[in-house]
């Protein structure tokens, strides 16, 4: 039986960074996705499914201490690790929200930003494929965004072409992490964006989608 995300990560939170194959396989695409946000010092970013905060060092390096990082995750165990990471680094500009992203209050997120303008970037790395109500979660995140916000989705699928021979291993990795390799949320997430970019890594096992929102939709 496949465990829902909170139950799965309740026990794995303390060891997630060590067993996630982050350094071996998945960090380069994470870096690429965050690079494509084109962040500047002082900007605000919403990290959907932030987990243990693996994105935080990369985001902090770009927005600086005058910026804002809002991390959202439904797993208390993962957020506990994110909180420890934040404390160790001395980041006072990180706000952690323990909530299912599908139930996120866009207005509450906007209130954290300057003049309630909304966040200037949204990122989801290896998160939407493990989020049951991912389309609703993404709609709510977008409703918290400022006009012209940059968005980036980094997620998992199955290798194609010559790399298809590695599909069983990729499927195993997705199963271990609770990801649906057939969901392919990226194209839908950026479908209303302009200036869209797609970058494939590891033969298509990891795909980065990014773009710019023309405006701020209303969450359903």
C-alpha atoms as a PDB file:
ATOM      1  CA  UNK A   1       0.000   0.000   0.000  1.00  0.00           C
ATOM      2  CA  UNK A   2       1.347   3.425  -0.934  1.00  0.00           C
ATOM      3  CA  UNK A   3       1.494   5.733   2.055  1.00  0.00           C
ATOM      4  CA  UNK A   4       0.228   9.309   1.745  1.00  0.00           C
ATOM      5  CA  UNK A   5       2.956  11.934   1.816  1.00  0.00           C
ATOM      6  CA  UNK A   6       2.619  12.995   5.492  1.00  0.00           C
ATOM      7  CA  UNK A   7       2.722   9.398   6.766  1.00  0.00           C
ATOM      8  CA  UNK A   8       5.587   8.431   4.461  1.00  0.00           C
ATOM      9  CA  UNK A   9       7.721  11.409   5.451  1.00  0.00           C
ATOM     10  CA  UNK A  10       6.879  11.368   9.146  1.00  0.00           C
ATOM     11  CA  UNK A  11       9.452   8.641   9.687  1.00  0.00           C
ATOM     12  CA  UNK A  12      11.818   9.517   6.847  1.00  0.00           C
ATOM     13  CA  UNK A  13      12.215  13.226   7.635  1.00  0.00           C
ATOM     14  CA  UNK A  14      15.365  12.817   9.773  1.00  0.00           C
ATOM     15  CA  UNK A  15      17.107  10.679   7.144  1.00  0.00           C
ATOM     16  CA  UNK A  16      15.563  12.048   3.954  1.00  0.00           C
ATOM     17  CA  UNK A  17      18.570  14.105   2.863  1.00  0.00           C
ATOM     18  CA  UNK A  18      20.843  11.084   3.210  1.00  0.00           C
ATOM     19  CA  UNK A  19      18.675   8.590   1.311  1.00  0.00           C
ATOM     20  CA  UNK A  20      17.089  10.810  -1.360  1.00  0.00           C
ATOM     21  CA  UNK A  21      19.973  10.477  -3.865  1.00  0.00           C
ATOM     22  CA  UNK A  22      20.087  14.275  -3.867  1.00  0.00           C
ATOM     23  CA  UNK A  23      23.838  14.648  -4.270  1.00  0.00           C
ATOM     24  CA  UNK A  24      24.207  11.775  -6.705  1.00  0.00           C
ATOM     25  CA  UNK A  25      21.297  12.453  -9.065  1.00  0.00           C
ATOM     26  CA  UNK A  26      18.846  15.198  -8.253  1.00  0.00           C
ATOM     27  CA  UNK A  27      20.694  18.321  -7.146  1.00  0.00           C
ATOM     28  CA  UNK A  28      21.719  19.600 -10.621  1.00  0.00           C
ATOM     29  CA  UNK A  29      18.107  19.922 -11.787  1.00  0.00           C
ATOM     30  CA  UNK A  30      17.188  21.565  -8.482  1.00  0.00           C
ATOM     31  CA  UNK A  31      19.890  24.173  -9.090  1.00  0.00           C
ATOM     32  CA  UNK A  32      18.739  24.657 -12.679  1.00  0.00           C
ATOM     33  CA  UNK A  33      15.139  25.224 -11.613  1.00  0.00           C
ATOM     34  CA  UNK A  34      16.116  27.816  -9.038  1.00  0.00           C
ATOM     35  CA  UNK A  35      18.483  29.519 -11.482  1.00  0.00           C
ATOM     36  CA  UNK A  36      15.542  29.874 -13.881  1.00  0.00           C
ATOM     37  CA  UNK A  37      13.615  31.851 -11.256  1.00  0.00           C
ATOM     38  CA  UNK A  38      16.055  34.721 -11.935  1.00  0.00           C
ATOM     39  CA  UNK A  39      15.819  35.882  -8.332  1.00  0.00           C
ATOM     40  CA  UNK A  40      17.346  39.102  -7.052  1.00  0.00           C
ATOM     41  CA  UNK A  41      18.216  40.300  -3.535  1.00  0.00           C
ATOM     42  CA  UNK A  42      15.154  41.419  -1.608  1.00  0.00           C
ATOM     43  CA  UNK A  43      12.655  39.320  -3.552  1.00  0.00           C
ATOM     44  CA  UNK A  44      10.185  36.833  -2.105  1.00  0.00           C
ATOM     45  CA  UNK A  45       9.732  33.196  -3.112  1.00  0.00           C
ATOM     46  CA  UNK A  46       7.196  30.497  -2.240  1.00  0.00           C
ATOM     47  CA  UNK A  47       8.606  26.969  -1.971  1.00  0.00           C
ATOM     48  CA  UNK A  48       5.800  24.427  -2.408  1.00  0.00           C
ATOM     49  CA  UNK A  49       6.537  21.065  -0.778  1.00  0.00           C
ATOM     50  CA  UNK A  50       9.730  22.452   0.719  1.00  0.00           C
ATOM     51  CA  UNK A  51      10.472  19.240   2.638  1.00  0.00           C
ATOM     52  CA  UNK A  52      13.649  19.471   4.697  1.00  0.00           C
ATOM     53  CA  UNK A  53      14.597  22.786   3.107  1.00  0.00           C
ATOM     54  CA  UNK A  54      17.041  21.579   0.478  1.00  0.00           C
ATOM     55  CA  UNK A  55      16.125  24.589  -1.639  1.00  0.00           C
ATOM     56  CA  UNK A  56      16.735  27.097   1.141  1.00  0.00           C
ATOM     57  CA  UNK A  57      20.515  27.560   0.754  1.00  0.00           C
ATOM     58  CA  UNK A  58      20.078  28.124  -2.980  1.00  0.00           C
ATOM     59  CA  UNK A  59      17.193  30.540  -2.476  1.00  0.00           C
ATOM     60  CA  UNK A  60      18.912  32.429   0.334  1.00  0.00           C
ATOM     61  CA  UNK A  61      22.009  32.879  -1.784  1.00  0.00           C
ATOM     62  CA  UNK A  62      19.855  34.710  -4.312  1.00  0.00           C
ATOM     63  CA  UNK A  63      17.312  36.724  -2.291  1.00  0.00           C
ATOM     64  CA  UNK A  64      19.648  37.484   0.622  1.00  0.00           C
ATOM     65  CA  UNK A  65      18.619  38.407   4.143  1.00  0.00           C
ATOM     66  CA  UNK A  66      16.440  41.235   2.812  1.00  0.00           C
ATOM     67  CA  UNK A  67      14.352  38.742   0.849  1.00  0.00           C
ATOM     68  CA  UNK A  68      11.685  36.299   1.985  1.00  0.00           C
ATOM     69  CA  UNK A  69      11.415  32.521   1.666  1.00  0.00           C
ATOM     70  CA  UNK A  70       8.067  30.899   2.474  1.00  0.00           C
ATOM     71  CA  UNK A  71       8.228  27.112   2.774  1.00  0.00           C
ATOM     72  CA  UNK A  72       5.079  24.999   2.719  1.00  0.00           C
ATOM     73  CA  UNK A  73       4.849  21.318   3.570  1.00  0.00           C
ATOM     74  CA  UNK A  74       2.253  18.943   5.017  1.00  0.00           C
ATOM     75  CA  UNK A  75       4.793  16.760   6.837  1.00  0.00           C
ATOM     76  CA  UNK A  76       5.695  17.778  10.384  1.00  0.00           C
ATOM     77  CA  UNK A  77       8.764  15.533  10.251  1.00  0.00           C
ATOM     78  CA  UNK A  78      10.129  17.165   7.121  1.00  0.00           C
ATOM     79  CA  UNK A  79       9.411  20.656   8.429  1.00  0.00           C
ATOM     80  CA  UNK A  80      11.213  19.843  11.669  1.00  0.00           C
ATOM     81  CA  UNK A  81      14.340  19.219   9.610  1.00  0.00           C
ATOM     82  CA  UNK A  82      13.736  22.401   7.635  1.00  0.00           C
ATOM     83  CA  UNK A  83      13.408  24.324  10.885  1.00  0.00           C
ATOM     84  CA  UNK A  84      16.699  22.926  12.167  1.00  0.00           C
ATOM     85  CA  UNK A  85      18.408  23.833   8.896  1.00  0.00           C
ATOM     86  CA  UNK A  86      17.036  27.365   9.147  1.00  0.00           C
ATOM     87  CA  UNK A  87      18.122  27.814  12.754  1.00  0.00           C
ATOM     88  CA  UNK A  88      21.640  26.527  12.088  1.00  0.00           C
ATOM     89  CA  UNK A  89      22.066  28.953   9.200  1.00  0.00           C
ATOM     90  CA  UNK A  90      20.583  31.887  11.133  1.00  0.00           C
ATOM     91  CA  UNK A  91      17.997  32.691   8.454  1.00  0.00           C
ATOM     92  CA  UNK A  92      15.431  34.993  10.044  1.00  0.00           C
ATOM     93  CA  UNK A  93      13.665  35.550   6.741  1.00  0.00           C
ATOM     94  CA  UNK A  94      12.279  32.006   6.342  1.00  0.00           C
ATOM     95  CA  UNK A  95       8.618  31.388   7.179  1.00  0.00           C
ATOM     96  CA  UNK A  96       7.521  27.758   7.453  1.00  0.00           C
ATOM     97  CA  UNK A  97       3.865  26.813   7.018  1.00  0.00           C
ATOM     98  CA  UNK A  98       2.706  23.368   8.159  1.00  0.00           C
ATOM     99  CA  UNK A  99      -0.215  22.826   5.826  1.00  0.00           C
ATOM    100  CA  UNK A 100      -1.265  20.823   2.799  1.00  0.00           C
ATOM    101  CA  UNK A 101      -0.428  23.090  -0.126  1.00  0.00           C
ATOM    102  CA  UNK A 102      -3.899  22.401  -1.526  1.00  0.00           C
ATOM    103  CA  UNK A 103      -5.302  24.207   1.537  1.00  0.00           C
ATOM    104  CA  UNK A 104      -2.888  27.121   1.374  1.00  0.00           C
ATOM    105  CA  UNK A 105      -4.423  30.545   2.013  1.00  0.00           C
ATOM    106  CA  UNK A 106      -3.098  32.815  -0.767  1.00  0.00           C
ATOM    107  CA  UNK A 107      -4.150  35.954   1.107  1.00  0.00           C
ATOM    108  CA  UNK A 108      -2.144  34.890   4.169  1.00  0.00           C
ATOM    109  CA  UNK A 109       0.946  34.394   2.006  1.00  0.00           C
ATOM    110  CA  UNK A 110       0.434  37.761   0.343  1.00  0.00           C
ATOM    111  CA  UNK A 111       0.295  39.436   3.727  1.00  0.00           C
ATOM    112  CA  UNK A 112       3.848  38.270   4.365  1.00  0.00           C
ATOM    113  CA  UNK A 113       5.104  40.221   1.359  1.00  0.00           C
ATOM    114  CA  UNK A 114       5.768  43.922   0.956  1.00  0.00           C
ATOM    115  CA  UNK A 115       2.518  45.882   0.522  1.00  0.00           C
ATOM    116  CA  UNK A 116       0.688  42.524   0.190  1.00  0.00           C
ATOM    117  CA  UNK A 117       1.938  42.451  -3.393  1.00  0.00           C
ATOM    118  CA  UNK A 118       2.468  38.693  -3.512  1.00  0.00           C
ATOM    119  CA  UNK A 119       5.522  36.514  -3.954  1.00  0.00           C
ATOM    120  CA  UNK A 120       7.780  37.190  -6.901  1.00  0.00           C
ATOM    121  CA  UNK A 121       8.618  33.545  -7.529  1.00  0.00           C
ATOM    122  CA  UNK A 122       7.176  30.074  -6.930  1.00  0.00           C
ATOM    123  CA  UNK A 123       9.175  26.870  -7.009  1.00  0.00           C
ATOM    124  CA  UNK A 124       8.186  23.224  -6.604  1.00  0.00           C
ATOM    125  CA  UNK A 125      11.019  20.701  -6.691  1.00  0.00           C
ATOM    126  CA  UNK A 126      10.135  17.007  -6.681  1.00  0.00           C
ATOM    127  CA  UNK A 127       6.890  17.944  -4.924  1.00  0.00           C
ATOM    128  CA  UNK A 128       3.898  18.058  -7.261  1.00  0.00           C
ATOM    129  CA  UNK A 129       4.284  14.417  -8.283  1.00  0.00           C
ATOM    130  CA  UNK A 130       3.789  13.386  -4.639  1.00  0.00           C
ATOM    131  CA  UNK A 131       0.980  15.852  -3.876  1.00  0.00           C
ATOM    132  CA  UNK A 132      -2.467  14.220  -4.251  1.00  0.00           C
ATOM    133  CA  UNK A 133      -4.359  17.456  -5.024  1.00  0.00           C
ATOM    134  CA  UNK A 134      -1.473  19.012  -6.882  1.00  0.00           C
ATOM    135  CA  UNK A 135      -3.517  21.067  -9.345  1.00  0.00           C
ATOM    136  CA  UNK A 136      -5.422  22.755  -6.528  1.00  0.00           C
ATOM    137  CA  UNK A 137      -2.152  23.271  -4.630  1.00  0.00           C
ATOM    138  CA  UNK A 138      -0.560  24.920  -7.648  1.00  0.00           C
ATOM    139  CA  UNK A 139      -3.615  27.122  -8.257  1.00  0.00           C
ATOM    140  CA  UNK A 140      -3.439  28.376  -4.682  1.00  0.00           C
ATOM    141  CA  UNK A 141       0.268  29.037  -4.963  1.00  0.00           C
ATOM    142  CA  UNK A 142      -0.284  31.014  -8.152  1.00  0.00           C
ATOM    143  CA  UNK A 143      -3.003  33.041  -6.442  1.00  0.00           C
ATOM    144  CA  UNK A 144      -0.362  34.158  -3.930  1.00  0.00           C
ATOM    145  CA  UNK A 145       1.923  35.427  -6.696  1.00  0.00           C
ATOM    146  CA  UNK A 146       2.586  38.968  -7.838  1.00  0.00           C
ATOM    147  CA  UNK A 147       1.933  39.816 -11.498  1.00  0.00           C
ATOM    148  CA  UNK A 148       4.889  38.743 -13.566  1.00  0.00           C
ATOM    149  CA  UNK A 149       6.147  36.244 -10.994  1.00  0.00           C
ATOM    150  CA  UNK A 150       8.620  33.623 -12.146  1.00  0.00           C
ATOM    151  CA  UNK A 151       7.694  29.963 -11.673  1.00  0.00           C
ATOM    152  CA  UNK A 152       9.703  26.747 -11.840  1.00  0.00           C
ATOM    153  CA  UNK A 153       8.667  23.105 -11.491  1.00  0.00           C
ATOM    154  CA  UNK A 154      11.259  20.356 -11.212  1.00  0.00           C
ATOM    155  CA  UNK A 155       9.816  16.863 -11.181  1.00  0.00           C
ATOM    156  CA  UNK A 156      10.230  13.211 -12.009  1.00  0.00           C
ATOM    157  CA  UNK A 157       9.158  11.032 -14.908  1.00  0.00           C
ATOM    158  CA  UNK A 158      10.396   8.017 -16.808  1.00  0.00           C
ATOM    159  CA  UNK A 159      13.412   8.205 -19.136  1.00  0.00           C
ATOM    160  CA  UNK A 160      12.710   8.112 -22.840  1.00  0.00           C
ATOM    161  CA  UNK A 161      14.648   7.480 -26.034  1.00  0.00           C
ATOM    162  CA  UNK A 162      17.992   5.750 -25.566  1.00  0.00           C
ATOM    163  CA  UNK A 163      17.655   6.210 -21.793  1.00  0.00           C
ATOM    164  CA  UNK A 164      14.404   4.224 -21.662  1.00  0.00           C
ATOM    165  CA  UNK A 165      16.421   1.166 -20.676  1.00  0.00           C
ATOM    166  CA  UNK A 166      16.795   2.848 -17.272  1.00  0.00           C
ATOM    167  CA  UNK A 167      13.037   3.218 -16.804  1.00  0.00           C
ATOM    168  CA  UNK A 168      12.776   0.346 -14.261  1.00  0.00           C
ATOM    169  CA  UNK A 169      15.340   2.041 -12.019  1.00  0.00           C
ATOM    170  CA  UNK A 170      13.596   5.385 -12.402  1.00  0.00           C
ATOM    171  CA  UNK A 171      10.265   3.771 -11.570  1.00  0.00           C
ATOM    172  CA  UNK A 172      11.791   2.241  -8.458  1.00  0.00           C
ATOM    173  CA  UNK A 173      13.144   5.621  -7.355  1.00  0.00           C
ATOM    174  CA  UNK A 174       9.735   7.225  -7.873  1.00  0.00           C
ATOM    175  CA  UNK A 175       7.975   4.476  -5.948  1.00  0.00           C
ATOM    176  CA  UNK A 176      10.402   4.818  -3.052  1.00  0.00           C
ATOM    177  CA  UNK A 177       9.651   8.512  -2.833  1.00  0.00           C
ATOM    178  CA  UNK A 178       5.915   8.212  -3.394  1.00  0.00           C
ATOM    179  CA  UNK A 179       6.052  10.027  -6.732  1.00  0.00           C
ATOM    180  CA  UNK A 180       3.764   9.317  -9.664  1.00  0.00           C
ATOM    181  CA  UNK A 181       6.121   9.190 -12.689  1.00  0.00           C
ATOM    182  CA  UNK A 182       3.182   9.475 -15.102  1.00  0.00           C
ATOM    183  CA  UNK A 183       1.711  12.661 -13.637  1.00  0.00           C
ATOM    184  CA  UNK A 184       4.001  15.057 -15.528  1.00  0.00           C
ATOM    185  CA  UNK A 185       2.792  18.225 -13.769  1.00  0.00           C
ATOM    186  CA  UNK A 186       5.266  20.618 -15.366  1.00  0.00           C
ATOM    187  CA  UNK A 187       3.506  21.351 -18.679  1.00  0.00           C
ATOM    188  CA  UNK A 188       0.196  22.012 -16.918  1.00  0.00           C
ATOM    189  CA  UNK A 189       1.833  24.160 -14.247  1.00  0.00           C
ATOM    190  CA  UNK A 190       3.442  26.481 -16.804  1.00  0.00           C
ATOM    191  CA  UNK A 191       0.685  26.292 -19.427  1.00  0.00           C
ATOM    192  CA  UNK A 192      -0.462  29.874 -18.793  1.00  0.00           C
ATOM    193  CA  UNK A 193       3.039  31.252 -18.427  1.00  0.00           C
ATOM    194  CA  UNK A 194       4.991  33.154 -21.026  1.00  0.00           C
ATOM    195  CA  UNK A 195       8.684  32.826 -21.792  1.00  0.00           C
ATOM    196  CA  UNK A 196       8.452  29.086 -21.120  1.00  0.00           C
ATOM    197  CA  UNK A 197      11.529  26.873 -20.802  1.00  0.00           C
ATOM    198  CA  UNK A 198      11.852  23.088 -20.617  1.00  0.00           C
ATOM    199  CA  UNK A 199      15.077  21.291 -19.743  1.00  0.00           C
ATOM    200  CA  UNK A 200      15.404  17.496 -19.574  1.00  0.00           C
ATOM    201  CA  UNK A 201      17.939  15.779 -17.333  1.00  0.00           C
ATOM    202  CA  UNK A 202      18.916  12.138 -16.888  1.00  0.00           C
ATOM    203  CA  UNK A 203      17.278  11.115 -20.146  1.00  0.00           C
ATOM    204  CA  UNK A 204      13.967  12.664 -19.130  1.00  0.00           C
ATOM    205  CA  UNK A 205      13.834  11.153 -15.642  1.00  0.00           C
ATOM    206  CA  UNK A 206      13.973  14.736 -14.383  1.00  0.00           C
ATOM    207  CA  UNK A 207      12.372  17.634 -16.241  1.00  0.00           C
ATOM    208  CA  UNK A 208      12.543  21.327 -15.392  1.00  0.00           C
ATOM    209  CA  UNK A 209       9.761  23.662 -16.531  1.00  0.00           C
ATOM    210  CA  UNK A 210       9.899  27.398 -15.961  1.00  0.00           C
ATOM    211  CA  UNK A 211       8.179  30.558 -17.123  1.00  0.00           C
ATOM    212  CA  UNK A 212       6.723  33.937 -16.209  1.00  0.00           C
ATOM    213  CA  UNK A 213       3.151  34.453 -15.051  1.00  0.00           C
ATOM    214  CA  UNK A 214       1.315  37.199 -16.943  1.00  0.00           C
ATOM    215  CA  UNK A 215      -0.922  37.917 -13.967  1.00  0.00           C
ATOM    216  CA  UNK A 216      -2.381  36.463 -10.788  1.00  0.00           C
ATOM    217  CA  UNK A 217      -5.319  34.033 -11.144  1.00  0.00           C
ATOM    218  CA  UNK A 218      -7.866  33.341  -8.443  1.00  0.00           C
ATOM    219  CA  UNK A 219      -7.646  29.980  -6.671  1.00  0.00           C
ATOM    220  CA  UNK A 220     -10.599  27.658  -7.018  1.00  0.00           C
END
